[in-house]
Amino acid sequence: MVQGYIRKINGWLAEICGWLLSVMVIFLCVDIIGRGVKEPIQGVAEMAVFVMISAVYLGLAHCEQMDKHIQVTALLARMPPRVRSVLKVINGGIQVVVVGVLIWAAANNLLYTYSKLVAISGTVPLKLWPVKLVILVGLVFYWLQSLVNMGISIRECCGLNFRKSG
């Protein structure tokens, strides 16, 4: 049940990523055209970077759900299925711990940038906390999807099957 909600939210986040990429392209086109006519709009390039960062982090969970992250499988493909499934569980455990640490660091960084009103320097100072919030949200959903995937890997490794009867 929870897995279904997470999958649905991941789909929404992936949809947002597509729209954000469109916004990023518009920002970059406006910046290029503005520079070409000698009237650049200040802060547009920086906003495009913020949008790109948001798209990357919001897309992490969907990428994990679809198992589309970059993988090196040359050695793994040659191992017996049982060893592969055990390694998948170990990898999932490490991933959950590492992403948990990243969430903790991102939350601390968000609190710092918000409390100190940190902004990027430039002709138009842009506050950093909104993009830090998006990074944190993206990491939280990535962590949740990693937990779901690790649970699936444990069930596959142990041969457990929890299907509903009836």
N, C-alpha and C. Protein backbone atom coordinates (compact mmCIF):
# COMPACT_ATOMS: atom_id res chain seq x y z
N MET A 1 0.82 -1.19 0.00
CA MET A 1 0.00 0.00 0.00
C MET A 1 0.87 1.25 0.00
N VAL A 2 1.81 1.31 0.93
CA VAL A 2 2.72 2.46 0.99
C VAL A 2 3.55 2.52 -0.28
N GLN A 3 3.94 1.34 -0.76
CA GLN A 3 4.73 1.27 -1.99
C GLN A 3 3.97 1.91 -3.16
N GLY A 4 2.67 1.71 -3.22
CA GLY A 4 1.86 2.31 -4.28
C GLY A 4 1.85 3.83 -4.21
N TYR A 5 1.75 4.37 -2.99
CA TYR A 5 1.79 5.82 -2.82
C TYR A 5 3.14 6.39 -3.22
N ILE A 6 4.20 5.71 -2.83
CA ILE A 6 5.54 6.17 -3.18
C ILE A 6 5.72 6.15 -4.70
N ARG A 7 5.25 5.10 -5.35
CA ARG A 7 5.35 5.02 -6.82
C ARG A 7 4.58 6.16 -7.49
N LYS A 8 3.41 6.47 -6.95
CA LYS A 8 2.60 7.55 -7.52
C LYS A 8 3.31 8.90 -7.34
N ILE A 9 3.84 9.15 -6.16
CA ILE A 9 4.57 10.40 -5.91
C ILE A 9 5.80 10.48 -6.80
N ASN A 10 6.51 9.35 -6.96
CA ASN A 10 7.67 9.34 -7.84
C ASN A 10 7.28 9.69 -9.28
N GLY A 11 6.13 9.21 -9.71
CA GLY A 11 5.64 9.55 -11.04
C GLY A 11 5.36 11.04 -11.18
N TRP A 12 4.76 11.61 -10.14
CA TRP A 12 4.50 13.06 -10.15
C TRP A 12 5.81 13.84 -10.19
N LEU A 13 6.78 13.40 -9.38
CA LEU A 13 8.07 14.09 -9.36
C LEU A 13 8.76 14.00 -10.72
N ALA A 14 8.64 12.85 -11.38
CA ALA A 14 9.23 12.70 -12.71
C ALA A 14 8.54 13.64 -13.71
N GLU A 15 7.23 13.78 -13.56
CA GLU A 15 6.49 14.70 -14.43
C GLU A 15 6.96 16.14 -14.19
N ILE A 16 7.13 16.50 -12.94
CA ILE A 16 7.65 17.84 -12.61
C ILE A 16 9.02 18.05 -13.22
N CYS A 17 9.85 17.00 -13.20
CA CYS A 17 11.19 17.11 -13.79
C CYS A 17 11.12 17.47 -15.27
N GLY A 18 10.20 16.85 -15.98
CA GLY A 18 10.05 17.18 -17.40
C GLY A 18 9.68 18.63 -17.61
N TRP A 19 8.76 19.13 -16.81
CA TRP A 19 8.37 20.53 -16.91
C TRP A 19 9.52 21.45 -16.51
N LEU A 20 10.27 21.05 -15.48
CA LEU A 20 11.41 21.87 -15.07
C LEU A 20 12.47 21.95 -16.16
N LEU A 21 12.68 20.86 -16.87
CA LEU A 21 13.65 20.90 -17.97
C LEU A 21 13.20 21.87 -19.07
N SER A 22 11.88 21.92 -19.31
CA SER A 22 11.35 22.89 -20.27
C SER A 22 11.59 24.32 -19.80
N VAL A 23 11.38 24.55 -18.50
CA VAL A 23 11.63 25.88 -17.93
C VAL A 23 13.10 26.23 -18.05
N MET A 24 13.98 25.26 -17.79
CA MET A 24 15.41 25.50 -17.89
C MET A 24 15.80 25.91 -19.32
N VAL A 25 15.25 25.22 -20.30
CA VAL A 25 15.55 25.55 -21.70
C VAL A 25 15.07 26.96 -22.02
N ILE A 26 13.90 27.32 -21.53
CA ILE A 26 13.37 28.67 -21.77
C ILE A 26 14.30 29.71 -21.14
N PHE A 27 14.72 29.46 -19.89
CA PHE A 27 15.64 30.39 -19.24
C PHE A 27 16.93 30.55 -20.03
N LEU A 28 17.48 29.42 -20.50
CA LEU A 28 18.73 29.50 -21.25
C LEU A 28 18.54 30.21 -22.59
N CYS A 29 17.42 29.98 -23.25
CA CYS A 29 17.15 30.68 -24.51
C CYS A 29 17.01 32.18 -24.28
N VAL A 30 16.29 32.55 -23.23
CA VAL A 30 16.15 33.97 -22.90
C VAL A 30 17.52 34.59 -22.62
N ASP A 31 18.36 33.86 -21.90
CA ASP A 31 19.70 34.37 -21.58
C ASP A 31 20.54 34.53 -22.85
N ILE A 32 20.50 33.55 -23.73
CA ILE A 32 21.29 33.61 -24.97
C ILE A 32 20.80 34.74 -25.87
N ILE A 33 19.48 34.84 -26.03
CA ILE A 33 18.93 35.91 -26.87
C ILE A 33 19.24 37.27 -26.26
N GLY A 34 19.09 37.38 -24.94
CA GLY A 34 19.40 38.65 -24.28
C GLY A 34 20.84 39.05 -24.47
N ARG A 35 21.75 38.12 -24.38
CA ARG A 35 23.17 38.43 -24.59
C ARG A 35 23.43 38.80 -26.05
N GLY A 36 22.68 38.18 -26.95
CA GLY A 36 22.86 38.47 -28.37
C GLY A 36 22.42 39.87 -28.75
N VAL A 37 21.42 40.39 -28.08
CA VAL A 37 20.94 41.75 -28.37
C VAL A 37 21.52 42.77 -27.40
N LYS A 38 22.54 42.35 -26.66
CA LYS A 38 23.28 43.23 -25.73
C LYS A 38 22.43 43.71 -24.56
N GLU A 39 21.35 43.00 -24.24
CA GLU A 39 20.51 43.35 -23.10
C GLU A 39 20.26 42.09 -22.26
N PRO A 40 21.31 41.56 -21.63
CA PRO A 40 21.09 40.33 -20.84
C PRO A 40 20.21 40.60 -19.61
N ILE A 41 19.41 39.62 -19.30
CA ILE A 41 18.56 39.71 -18.12
C ILE A 41 19.34 39.11 -16.96
N GLN A 42 19.56 39.91 -15.95
CA GLN A 42 20.39 39.49 -14.83
C GLN A 42 19.70 38.37 -14.02
N GLY A 43 20.46 37.34 -13.69
CA GLY A 43 19.97 36.27 -12.84
C GLY A 43 19.32 35.11 -13.57
N VAL A 44 19.10 35.22 -14.88
CA VAL A 44 18.42 34.16 -15.61
C VAL A 44 19.29 32.90 -15.68
N ALA A 45 20.57 33.05 -15.94
CA ALA A 45 21.46 31.88 -16.01
C ALA A 45 21.52 31.17 -14.65
N GLU A 46 21.57 31.93 -13.57
CA GLU A 46 21.61 31.34 -12.24
C GLU A 46 20.31 30.60 -11.93
N MET A 47 19.18 31.17 -12.36
CA MET A 47 17.90 30.50 -12.15
C MET A 47 17.83 29.21 -12.96
N ALA A 48 18.43 29.20 -14.15
CA ALA A 48 18.47 27.98 -14.96
C ALA A 48 19.26 26.88 -14.23
N VAL A 49 20.33 27.27 -13.57
CA VAL A 49 21.12 26.30 -12.79
C VAL A 49 20.29 25.76 -11.64
N PHE A 50 19.57 26.62 -10.94
CA PHE A 50 18.71 26.17 -9.84
C PHE A 50 17.65 25.19 -10.34
N VAL A 51 17.07 25.49 -11.49
CA VAL A 51 16.03 24.62 -12.05
C VAL A 51 16.64 23.27 -12.44
N MET A 52 17.86 23.28 -13.00
CA MET A 52 18.52 22.04 -13.38
C MET A 52 18.80 21.18 -12.14
N ILE A 53 19.30 21.79 -11.08
CA ILE A 53 19.56 21.07 -9.84
C ILE A 53 18.27 20.46 -9.30
N SER A 54 17.19 21.22 -9.35
CA SER A 54 15.90 20.73 -8.88
C SER A 54 15.44 19.53 -9.70
N ALA A 55 15.60 19.60 -11.01
CA ALA A 55 15.18 18.50 -11.88
C ALA A 55 15.98 17.24 -11.58
N VAL A 56 17.27 17.39 -11.35
CA VAL A 56 18.11 16.22 -11.06
C VAL A 56 17.68 15.55 -9.76
N TYR A 57 17.53 16.32 -8.71
CA TYR A 57 17.21 15.73 -7.41
C TYR A 57 15.79 15.19 -7.34
N LEU A 58 14.85 15.85 -7.99
CA LEU A 58 13.47 15.35 -7.97
C LEU A 58 13.32 14.09 -8.81
N GLY A 59 14.24 13.86 -9.74
CA GLY A 59 14.18 12.68 -10.60
C GLY A 59 14.87 11.45 -10.03
N LEU A 60 15.59 11.60 -8.93
CA LEU A 60 16.33 10.48 -8.35
C LEU A 60 15.43 9.30 -7.97
N ALA A 61 14.33 9.58 -7.32
CA ALA A 61 13.46 8.51 -6.83
C ALA A 61 12.85 7.71 -7.97
N HIS A 62 12.42 8.38 -9.01
CA HIS A 62 11.84 7.67 -10.16
C HIS A 62 12.90 6.83 -10.86
N CYS A 63 14.09 7.37 -10.96
CA CYS A 63 15.20 6.63 -11.56
C CYS A 63 15.49 5.37 -10.74
N GLU A 64 15.46 5.48 -9.43
CA GLU A 64 15.68 4.32 -8.56
C GLU A 64 14.52 3.33 -8.69
N GLN A 65 13.32 3.83 -8.78
CA GLN A 65 12.14 2.97 -8.93
C GLN A 65 12.23 2.14 -10.21
N MET A 66 12.69 2.76 -11.28
CA MET A 66 12.78 2.08 -12.57
C MET A 66 14.09 1.29 -12.73
N ASP A 67 14.98 1.38 -11.72
CA ASP A 67 16.28 0.72 -11.74
C ASP A 67 17.10 1.16 -12.96
N LYS A 68 17.16 2.46 -13.19
CA LYS A 68 17.84 3.01 -14.35
C LYS A 68 19.11 3.77 -14.01
N HIS A 69 19.61 3.61 -12.77
CA HIS A 69 20.87 4.26 -12.44
C HIS A 69 22.01 3.56 -13.17
N ILE A 70 23.11 4.24 -13.34
CA ILE A 70 24.28 3.67 -13.99
C ILE A 70 24.78 2.50 -13.15
N GLN A 71 25.03 1.38 -13.82
CA GLN A 71 25.49 0.19 -13.12
C GLN A 71 26.65 -0.43 -13.89
N VAL A 72 27.57 -1.02 -13.17
CA VAL A 72 28.64 -1.80 -13.78
C VAL A 72 28.32 -3.25 -13.45
N THR A 73 27.91 -3.98 -14.47
CA THR A 73 27.41 -5.34 -14.24
C THR A 73 28.31 -6.42 -14.82
N ALA A 74 29.50 -6.06 -15.29
CA ALA A 74 30.38 -7.05 -15.92
C ALA A 74 30.69 -8.20 -14.98
N LEU A 75 31.01 -7.91 -13.74
CA LEU A 75 31.32 -8.95 -12.77
C LEU A 75 30.05 -9.56 -12.19
N LEU A 76 29.09 -8.74 -11.91
CA LEU A 76 27.84 -9.20 -11.30
C LEU A 76 27.09 -10.18 -12.19
N ALA A 77 27.11 -9.95 -13.49
CA ALA A 77 26.38 -10.82 -14.43
C ALA A 77 26.97 -12.23 -14.48
N ARG A 78 28.22 -12.38 -14.10
CA ARG A 78 28.88 -13.69 -14.14
C ARG A 78 28.73 -14.48 -12.83
N MET A 79 28.09 -13.89 -11.85
CA MET A 79 27.93 -14.57 -10.57
C MET A 79 26.65 -15.39 -10.55
N PRO A 80 26.61 -16.39 -9.67
CA PRO A 80 25.38 -17.18 -9.53
C PRO A 80 24.22 -16.30 -9.03
N PRO A 81 22.99 -16.64 -9.37
CA PRO A 81 21.84 -15.82 -8.97
C PRO A 81 21.75 -15.60 -7.46
N ARG A 82 22.07 -16.59 -6.66
CA ARG A 82 21.98 -16.45 -5.21
C ARG A 82 22.97 -15.40 -4.70
N VAL A 83 24.19 -15.41 -5.25
CA VAL A 83 25.21 -14.43 -4.85
C VAL A 83 24.78 -13.03 -5.29
N ARG A 84 24.22 -12.94 -6.50
CA ARG A 84 23.71 -11.64 -6.98
C ARG A 84 22.64 -11.09 -6.07
N SER A 85 21.72 -11.93 -5.63
CA SER A 85 20.64 -11.44 -4.78
C SER A 85 21.16 -11.01 -3.41
N VAL A 86 22.15 -11.72 -2.87
CA VAL A 86 22.75 -11.31 -1.58
C VAL A 86 23.48 -9.98 -1.75
N LEU A 87 24.23 -9.83 -2.84
CA LEU A 87 24.94 -8.58 -3.09
C LEU A 87 23.96 -7.42 -3.29
N LYS A 88 22.83 -7.72 -3.89
CA LYS A 88 21.81 -6.67 -4.09
C LYS A 88 21.27 -6.18 -2.75
N VAL A 89 21.07 -7.09 -1.80
CA VAL A 89 20.61 -6.70 -0.47
C VAL A 89 21.68 -5.88 0.24
N ILE A 90 22.94 -6.32 0.16
CA ILE A 90 24.04 -5.58 0.79
C ILE A 90 24.15 -4.18 0.18
N ASN A 91 24.08 -4.10 -1.14
CA ASN A 91 24.14 -2.81 -1.83
C ASN A 91 22.98 -1.91 -1.40
N GLY A 92 21.78 -2.49 -1.28
CA GLY A 92 20.62 -1.72 -0.84
C GLY A 92 20.80 -1.18 0.57
N GLY A 93 21.36 -1.99 1.46
CA GLY A 93 21.61 -1.54 2.83
C GLY A 93 22.59 -0.39 2.87
N ILE A 94 23.67 -0.52 2.11
CA ILE A 94 24.66 0.57 2.05
C ILE A 94 24.02 1.83 1.49
N GLN A 95 23.22 1.67 0.45
CA GLN A 95 22.57 2.81 -0.18
C GLN A 95 21.63 3.52 0.79
N VAL A 96 20.85 2.77 1.55
CA VAL A 96 19.92 3.37 2.51
C VAL A 96 20.68 4.17 3.57
N VAL A 97 21.79 3.61 4.05
CA VAL A 97 22.59 4.31 5.07
C VAL A 97 23.21 5.57 4.49
N VAL A 98 23.82 5.47 3.30
CA VAL A 98 24.49 6.63 2.70
C VAL A 98 23.50 7.73 2.39
N VAL A 99 22.36 7.38 1.80
CA VAL A 99 21.35 8.40 1.48
C VAL A 99 20.78 9.00 2.77
N GLY A 100 20.67 8.19 3.82
CA GLY A 100 20.24 8.72 5.12
C GLY A 100 21.20 9.78 5.64
N VAL A 101 22.49 9.54 5.50
CA VAL A 101 23.50 10.52 5.90
C VAL A 101 23.38 11.77 5.03
N LEU A 102 23.14 11.59 3.74
CA LEU A 102 22.97 12.74 2.84
C LEU A 102 21.74 13.57 3.24
N ILE A 103 20.68 12.91 3.64
CA ILE A 103 19.48 13.62 4.09
C ILE A 103 19.79 14.46 5.33
N TRP A 104 20.50 13.86 6.27
CA TRP A 104 20.88 14.58 7.49
C TRP A 104 21.71 15.83 7.13
N ALA A 105 22.70 15.65 6.24
CA ALA A 105 23.54 16.78 5.83
C ALA A 105 22.73 17.83 5.08
N ALA A 106 21.84 17.39 4.20
CA ALA A 106 21.02 18.34 3.43
C ALA A 106 20.08 19.11 4.35
N ALA A 107 19.52 18.44 5.35
CA ALA A 107 18.63 19.12 6.30
C ALA A 107 19.40 20.17 7.10
N ASN A 108 20.58 19.81 7.57
CA ASN A 108 21.40 20.79 8.29
C ASN A 108 21.78 21.97 7.41
N ASN A 109 22.11 21.67 6.14
CA ASN A 109 22.48 22.74 5.22
C ASN A 109 21.29 23.63 4.92
N LEU A 110 20.11 23.04 4.79
CA LEU A 110 18.89 23.83 4.55
C LEU A 110 18.62 24.76 5.73
N LEU A 111 18.71 24.22 6.94
CA LEU A 111 18.48 25.05 8.13
C LEU A 111 19.48 26.20 8.21
N TYR A 112 20.73 25.92 7.88
CA TYR A 112 21.76 26.96 7.91
C TYR A 112 21.47 28.05 6.87
N THR A 113 21.21 27.63 5.62
CA THR A 113 20.98 28.62 4.56
C THR A 113 19.71 29.43 4.81
N TYR A 114 18.71 28.80 5.43
CA TYR A 114 17.48 29.52 5.73
C TYR A 114 17.68 30.51 6.88
N SER A 115 18.34 30.05 7.94
CA SER A 115 18.50 30.92 9.12
C SER A 115 19.46 32.08 8.86
N LYS A 116 20.45 31.85 8.01
CA LYS A 116 21.43 32.90 7.72
C LYS A 116 21.09 33.69 6.45
N LEU A 117 19.97 33.33 5.79
CA LEU A 117 19.55 33.97 4.54
C LEU A 117 20.68 34.00 3.51
N VAL A 118 21.33 32.86 3.34
CA VAL A 118 22.44 32.74 2.40
C VAL A 118 21.92 32.90 0.98
N ALA A 119 22.67 33.67 0.19
CA ALA A 119 22.30 33.90 -1.20
C ALA A 119 23.56 33.82 -2.05
N ILE A 120 23.38 33.53 -3.34
CA ILE A 120 24.53 33.55 -4.23
C ILE A 120 24.84 35.00 -4.56
N SER A 121 26.10 35.28 -4.70
CA SER A 121 26.47 36.65 -5.03
C SER A 121 26.33 36.85 -6.53
N GLY A 122 26.07 38.03 -6.91
CA GLY A 122 25.90 38.37 -8.32
C GLY A 122 25.12 39.65 -8.43
N THR A 123 24.79 40.01 -9.66
CA THR A 123 24.03 41.24 -9.86
C THR A 123 22.64 41.14 -9.25
N VAL A 124 22.10 39.91 -9.22
CA VAL A 124 20.81 39.66 -8.58
C VAL A 124 21.04 38.56 -7.54
N PRO A 125 21.09 38.92 -6.26
CA PRO A 125 21.31 37.87 -5.26
C PRO A 125 20.08 36.97 -5.15
N LEU A 126 20.31 35.66 -5.28
CA LEU A 126 19.23 34.69 -5.19
C LEU A 126 19.41 33.85 -3.93
N LYS A 127 18.37 33.75 -3.13
CA LYS A 127 18.44 32.96 -1.91
C LYS A 127 18.61 31.48 -2.25
N LEU A 128 19.39 30.78 -1.45
CA LEU A 128 19.69 29.38 -1.71
C LEU A 128 18.72 28.40 -1.06
N TRP A 129 18.00 28.82 -0.03
CA TRP A 129 17.20 27.85 0.70
C TRP A 129 16.12 27.16 -0.13
N PRO A 130 15.48 27.82 -1.12
CA PRO A 130 14.47 27.07 -1.88
C PRO A 130 15.05 25.87 -2.64
N VAL A 131 16.22 26.06 -3.24
CA VAL A 131 16.81 24.93 -3.96
C VAL A 131 17.32 23.88 -2.98
N LYS A 132 17.76 24.29 -1.81
CA LYS A 132 18.19 23.34 -0.78
C LYS A 132 17.00 22.52 -0.29
N LEU A 133 15.82 23.14 -0.22
CA LEU A 133 14.61 22.43 0.17
C LEU A 133 14.25 21.37 -0.87
N VAL A 134 14.36 21.72 -2.14
CA VAL A 134 14.07 20.78 -3.21
C VAL A 134 15.05 19.61 -3.16
N ILE A 135 16.32 19.89 -2.89
CA ILE A 135 17.32 18.83 -2.77
C ILE A 135 16.92 17.88 -1.64
N LEU A 136 16.51 18.42 -0.51
CA LEU A 136 16.11 17.59 0.62
C LEU A 136 14.89 16.73 0.28
N VAL A 137 13.90 17.32 -0.36
CA VAL A 137 12.70 16.57 -0.74
C VAL A 137 13.07 15.44 -1.70
N GLY A 138 13.91 15.75 -2.69
CA GLY A 138 14.34 14.73 -3.64
C GLY A 138 15.08 13.59 -2.96
N LEU A 139 15.95 13.92 -2.01
CA LEU A 139 16.69 12.89 -1.29
C LEU A 139 15.77 12.04 -0.41
N VAL A 140 14.78 12.65 0.21
CA VAL A 140 13.86 11.88 1.06
C VAL A 140 13.10 10.85 0.23
N PHE A 141 12.60 11.25 -0.92
CA PHE A 141 11.86 10.29 -1.75
C PHE A 141 12.79 9.24 -2.37
N TYR A 142 14.02 9.62 -2.65
CA TYR A 142 15.02 8.65 -3.12
C TYR A 142 15.28 7.62 -2.02
N TRP A 143 15.39 8.07 -0.77
CA TRP A 143 15.62 7.18 0.36
C TRP A 143 14.43 6.24 0.55
N LEU A 144 13.22 6.79 0.46
CA LEU A 144 12.03 5.94 0.60
C LEU A 144 11.98 4.87 -0.48
N GLN A 145 12.30 5.25 -1.72
CA GLN A 145 12.29 4.27 -2.80
C GLN A 145 13.41 3.26 -2.61
N SER A 146 14.54 3.69 -2.07
CA SER A 146 15.64 2.76 -1.78
C SER A 146 15.21 1.75 -0.73
N LEU A 147 14.45 2.20 0.29
CA LEU A 147 13.92 1.28 1.30
C LEU A 147 12.98 0.26 0.67
N VAL A 148 12.10 0.73 -0.20
CA VAL A 148 11.18 -0.17 -0.88
C VAL A 148 11.95 -1.20 -1.69
N ASN A 149 12.94 -0.73 -2.45
CA ASN A 149 13.72 -1.65 -3.29
C ASN A 149 14.51 -2.64 -2.44
N MET A 150 15.02 -2.19 -1.30
CA MET A 150 15.75 -3.10 -0.43
C MET A 150 14.81 -4.16 0.14
N GLY A 151 13.60 -3.77 0.49
CA GLY A 151 12.61 -4.75 0.96
C GLY A 151 12.31 -5.79 -0.11
N ILE A 152 12.18 -5.36 -1.34
CA ILE A 152 11.94 -6.29 -2.45
C ILE A 152 13.13 -7.22 -2.62
N SER A 153 14.34 -6.66 -2.51
CA SER A 153 15.56 -7.47 -2.65
C SER A 153 15.65 -8.50 -1.53
N ILE A 154 15.28 -8.13 -0.31
CA ILE A 154 15.32 -9.08 0.82
C ILE A 154 14.32 -10.21 0.58
N ARG A 155 13.12 -9.85 0.13
CA ARG A 155 12.12 -10.89 -0.15
C ARG A 155 12.61 -11.84 -1.23
N GLU A 156 13.22 -11.29 -2.29
CA GLU A 156 13.73 -12.14 -3.37
C GLU A 156 14.88 -13.01 -2.89
N CYS A 157 15.75 -12.43 -2.07
CA CYS A 157 16.92 -13.17 -1.58
C CYS A 157 16.50 -14.32 -0.67
N CYS A 158 15.55 -14.06 0.18
CA CYS A 158 15.12 -15.07 1.16
C CYS A 158 14.02 -15.97 0.62
N GLY A 159 13.55 -15.70 -0.58
CA GLY A 159 12.49 -16.52 -1.16
C GLY A 159 11.14 -16.30 -0.51
N LEU A 160 10.96 -15.13 0.10
CA LEU A 160 9.69 -14.82 0.76
C LEU A 160 8.71 -14.27 -0.26
N ASN A 161 7.48 -14.56 -0.10
CA ASN A 161 6.46 -14.05 -0.99
C ASN A 161 5.24 -13.67 -0.16
N PHE A 162 4.96 -12.38 -0.10
CA PHE A 162 3.85 -11.89 0.72
C PHE A 162 2.69 -11.44 -0.15
N ARG A 163 2.17 -12.33 -0.94
CA ARG A 163 1.02 -11.97 -1.77
C ARG A 163 -0.26 -12.09 -0.95
N LYS A 164 -1.20 -11.21 -1.30
CA LYS A 164 -2.50 -11.27 -0.64
C LYS A 164 -3.25 -12.48 -1.15
N SER A 165 -3.86 -13.19 -0.26
CA SER A 165 -4.68 -14.33 -0.68
C SER A 165 -6.14 -13.88 -0.81
N GLY A 166 -6.82 -14.50 -1.73
CA GLY A 166 -8.24 -14.16 -1.88
C GLY A 166 -8.42 -13.48 -3.11
